[in-house]
Every structure is written in C-alpha cells, then in structure tokens.
Amino acid sequence: MLDAPGGCGKPTLLKILRQDINEFFRSDNACLVTAFTCGAAFNVGGNTLHSTLGISPKTGEEFKRMSDSMKNHLTDQLRDVKVFFIDEISQCCPLQQKAGLIHKSV
C-alpha cells in the first residue's frame, strides 16, 4: 500500500514501478495499474478499476452475473499479471461488495 499526501509524485512512482516490474518479468502485462476515477487512471497511465474488471461503477445497480465471454476476456487480460496496483484505493469501499459478488461468479 502506497499512502502519501497529494502532489508528492505517486503517479510517477507507479509508472516507474510498472516499468521495472514488467522488465523484471520480461512481460508488458506483468504489472497492471488501475484507479478508481478516470482522472486518476489517466494520471497513472492505466484504466479505471471498473473497466478493467468489467463492472458498472453505479453502486445502486443490481449485480448481473458475468457472461462467459467476459470471463474469458478477463482471464486473458489478467493471465500474466503478477502485480496489480489500484490508485486511490480509499475511494473503493462501495466497490468491495461488487468485488465479492464477482469473485463468486468467476
């Protein structure tokens, strides 16, 4: 967990860590960096956690079972990932319930 005040360079550190981890594992997909918001995802050069995991960001939306094609896509996308960073993890609490439901469906 990387916890530091705003403006101290966390996105830069995440970019360097991703590059070093990918080089270490000799893979472009060994390190995945996501963030809870679009702005944070842009700053770290990643995607939102929602789009990466194929879930809706709407907390009130009813959970829908993941389709087989989405499971296959997610499996392919995450197959080589060794390290998974989530920027702004403190904003993810509403997502935890959905993550548990998704885990049960995979």
C-alpha atoms as a PDB file:
ATOM      1  CA  MET A   1       0.000   0.000   0.000  1.00  0.00           C
ATOM      2  CA  LEU A   2       1.343   3.378  -1.009  1.00  0.00           C
ATOM      3  CA  ASP A   3      -0.092   6.151   1.137  1.00  0.00           C
ATOM      4  CA  ALA A   4       1.202   9.683   0.754  1.00  0.00           C
ATOM      5  CA  PRO A   5      -0.196  13.217   0.527  1.00  0.00           C
ATOM      6  CA  GLY A   6      -1.365  14.649  -2.775  1.00  0.00           C
ATOM      7  CA  GLY A   7       1.230  16.229  -5.009  1.00  0.00           C
ATOM      8  CA  CYS A   8       4.167  14.121  -3.867  1.00  0.00           C
ATOM      9  CA  GLY A   9       4.518  12.088  -7.076  1.00  0.00           C
ATOM     10  CA  LYS A  10       2.616   8.834  -6.525  1.00  0.00           C
ATOM     11  CA  PRO A  11       1.615   8.560 -10.220  1.00  0.00           C
ATOM     12  CA  THR A  12       5.252   8.961 -11.257  1.00  0.00           C
ATOM     13  CA  LEU A  13       6.320   6.274  -8.793  1.00  0.00           C
ATOM     14  CA  LEU A  14       3.591   3.909 -10.062  1.00  0.00           C
ATOM     15  CA  LYS A  15       4.751   4.426 -13.655  1.00  0.00           C
ATOM     16  CA  ILE A  16       8.353   3.636 -12.676  1.00  0.00           C
ATOM     17  CA  LEU A  17       7.292   0.583 -10.663  1.00  0.00           C
ATOM     18  CA  ARG A  18       5.196  -0.712 -13.561  1.00  0.00           C
ATOM     19  CA  GLN A  19       8.113  -0.326 -15.962  1.00  0.00           C
ATOM     20  CA  ASP A  20      10.553  -2.050 -13.591  1.00  0.00           C
ATOM     21  CA  ILE A  21       8.154  -4.909 -12.782  1.00  0.00           C
ATOM     22  CA  ASN A  22       7.409  -5.509 -16.463  1.00  0.00           C
ATOM     23  CA  GLU A  23      11.144  -5.545 -17.225  1.00  0.00           C
ATOM     24  CA  PHE A  24      11.816  -7.930 -14.340  1.00  0.00           C
ATOM     25  CA  PHE A  25       9.184 -10.416 -15.538  1.00  0.00           C
ATOM     26  CA  ARG A  26      10.028  -9.771 -19.216  1.00  0.00           C
ATOM     27  CA  SER A  27       6.381  -9.071 -19.973  1.00  0.00           C
ATOM     28  CA  ASP A  28       4.372  -5.999 -20.931  1.00  0.00           C
ATOM     29  CA  ASN A  29       1.499  -7.330 -18.820  1.00  0.00           C
ATOM     30  CA  ALA A  30       3.166  -8.312 -15.538  1.00  0.00           C
ATOM     31  CA  CYS A  31       2.099  -5.103 -13.795  1.00  0.00           C
ATOM     32  CA  LEU A  32      -1.399  -3.690 -14.075  1.00  0.00           C
ATOM     33  CA  VAL A  33      -2.143  -0.194 -12.785  1.00  0.00           C
ATOM     34  CA  THR A  34      -5.739   0.907 -12.299  1.00  0.00           C
ATOM     35  CA  ALA A  35      -7.514   3.684 -10.440  1.00  0.00           C
ATOM     36  CA  PHE A  36     -10.977   4.330  -9.115  1.00  0.00           C
ATOM     37  CA  THR A  37     -11.565   7.558 -11.056  1.00  0.00           C
ATOM     38  CA  CYS A  38     -10.980   8.447 -14.711  1.00  0.00           C
ATOM     39  CA  GLY A  39      -8.693  11.330 -13.778  1.00  0.00           C
ATOM     40  CA  ALA A  40      -6.506   9.195 -11.548  1.00  0.00           C
ATOM     41  CA  ALA A  41      -6.409   6.423 -14.171  1.00  0.00           C
ATOM     42  CA  PHE A  42      -5.229   8.950 -16.755  1.00  0.00           C
ATOM     43  CA  ASN A  43      -2.534  10.243 -14.380  1.00  0.00           C
ATOM     44  CA  VAL A  44      -1.083   6.761 -13.845  1.00  0.00           C
ATOM     45  CA  GLY A  45      -1.434   5.704 -17.483  1.00  0.00           C
ATOM     46  CA  GLY A  46      -3.967   2.995 -16.689  1.00  0.00           C
ATOM     47  CA  ASN A  47      -7.676   2.283 -16.848  1.00  0.00           C
ATOM     48  CA  THR A  48     -10.359   2.585 -14.235  1.00  0.00           C
ATOM     49  CA  LEU A  49     -10.820  -0.358 -11.935  1.00  0.00           C
ATOM     50  CA  HIS A  50     -14.390  -0.696 -13.197  1.00  0.00           C
ATOM     51  CA  SER A  51     -13.438  -1.004 -16.851  1.00  0.00           C
ATOM     52  CA  THR A  52     -10.525  -3.312 -16.053  1.00  0.00           C
ATOM     53  CA  LEU A  53     -12.783  -5.712 -14.146  1.00  0.00           C
ATOM     54  CA  GLY A  54     -15.806  -5.274 -16.415  1.00  0.00           C
ATOM     55  CA  ILE A  55     -18.188  -3.952 -13.775  1.00  0.00           C
ATOM     56  CA  SER A  56     -20.501  -0.969 -13.594  1.00  0.00           C
ATOM     57  CA  PRO A  57     -19.393   1.980 -11.453  1.00  0.00           C
ATOM     58  CA  LYS A  58     -23.006   2.562 -10.397  1.00  0.00           C
ATOM     59  CA  THR A  59     -23.282   1.412  -6.785  1.00  0.00           C
ATOM     60  CA  GLY A  60     -27.077   1.133  -6.835  1.00  0.00           C
ATOM     61  CA  GLU A  61     -27.176  -1.034  -9.944  1.00  0.00           C
ATOM     62  CA  GLU A  62     -28.197  -4.647  -9.473  1.00  0.00           C
ATOM     63  CA  PHE A  63     -25.374  -7.129  -9.890  1.00  0.00           C
ATOM     64  CA  LYS A  64     -25.501  -9.126 -13.108  1.00  0.00           C
ATOM     65  CA  ARG A  65     -23.717 -12.424 -13.470  1.00  0.00           C
ATOM     66  CA  MET A  66     -20.626 -12.182 -15.661  1.00  0.00           C
ATOM     67  CA  SER A  67     -21.053 -13.654 -19.132  1.00  0.00           C
ATOM     68  CA  ASP A  68     -18.781 -16.452 -20.316  1.00  0.00           C
ATOM     69  CA  SER A  69     -17.267 -14.162 -22.956  1.00  0.00           C
ATOM     70  CA  MET A  70     -16.478 -11.533 -20.300  1.00  0.00           C
ATOM     71  CA  LYS A  71     -14.956 -14.212 -18.042  1.00  0.00           C
ATOM     72  CA  ASN A  72     -12.753 -15.355 -20.930  1.00  0.00           C
ATOM     73  CA  HIS A  73     -11.752 -11.773 -21.743  1.00  0.00           C
ATOM     74  CA  LEU A  74     -10.914 -11.053 -18.103  1.00  0.00           C
ATOM     75  CA  THR A  75      -8.968 -14.299 -17.772  1.00  0.00           C
ATOM     76  CA  ASP A  76      -6.930 -13.449 -20.886  1.00  0.00           C
ATOM     77  CA  GLN A  77      -6.335  -9.895 -19.668  1.00  0.00           C
ATOM     78  CA  LEU A  78      -5.191 -10.939 -16.191  1.00  0.00           C
ATOM     79  CA  ARG A  79      -3.373 -14.181 -17.044  1.00  0.00           C
ATOM     80  CA  ASP A  80       0.157 -12.739 -16.948  1.00  0.00           C
ATOM     81  CA  VAL A  81      -0.425 -10.113 -14.248  1.00  0.00           C
ATOM     82  CA  LYS A  82       1.902 -10.546 -11.274  1.00  0.00           C
ATOM     83  CA  VAL A  83       1.321  -7.180  -9.560  1.00  0.00           C
ATOM     84  CA  PHE A  84      -1.968  -5.247  -9.508  1.00  0.00           C
ATOM     85  CA  PHE A  85      -1.895  -1.615  -8.318  1.00  0.00           C
ATOM     86  CA  ILE A  86      -5.069   0.326  -7.519  1.00  0.00           C
ATOM     87  CA  ASP A  87      -4.554   4.075  -7.181  1.00  0.00           C
ATOM     88  CA  GLU A  88      -6.981   5.904  -4.869  1.00  0.00           C
ATOM     89  CA  ILE A  89      -7.925   2.668  -3.102  1.00  0.00           C
ATOM     90  CA  SER A  90      -9.574   4.709  -0.335  1.00  0.00           C
ATOM     91  CA  GLN A  91     -12.403   5.519  -2.756  1.00  0.00           C
ATOM     92  CA  CYS A  92     -13.126   1.860  -3.499  1.00  0.00           C
ATOM     93  CA  CYS A  93     -15.265   0.937  -0.476  1.00  0.00           C
ATOM     94  CA  PRO A  94     -18.570   0.871  -2.441  1.00  0.00           C
ATOM     95  CA  LEU A  95     -16.861  -1.436  -4.900  1.00  0.00           C
ATOM     96  CA  GLN A  96     -15.960  -4.066  -2.322  1.00  0.00           C
ATOM     97  CA  GLN A  97     -19.443  -5.583  -2.242  1.00  0.00           C
ATOM     98  CA  LYS A  98     -19.453  -5.969  -6.016  1.00  0.00           C
ATOM     99  CA  ALA A  99     -15.960  -7.453  -5.955  1.00  0.00           C
ATOM    100  CA  GLY A 100     -17.157 -10.185  -3.612  1.00  0.00           C
ATOM    101  CA  LEU A 101     -20.077 -10.982  -5.892  1.00  0.00           C
ATOM    102  CA  ILE A 102     -17.845 -11.021  -8.957  1.00  0.00           C
ATOM    103  CA  HIS A 103     -15.410 -13.359  -7.231  1.00  0.00           C
ATOM    104  CA  LYS A 104     -18.275 -15.790  -6.614  1.00  0.00           C
ATOM    105  CA  SER A 105     -19.283 -15.717 -10.296  1.00  0.00           C
ATOM    106  CA  VAL A 106     -15.795 -16.365 -11.713  1.00  0.00           C
END
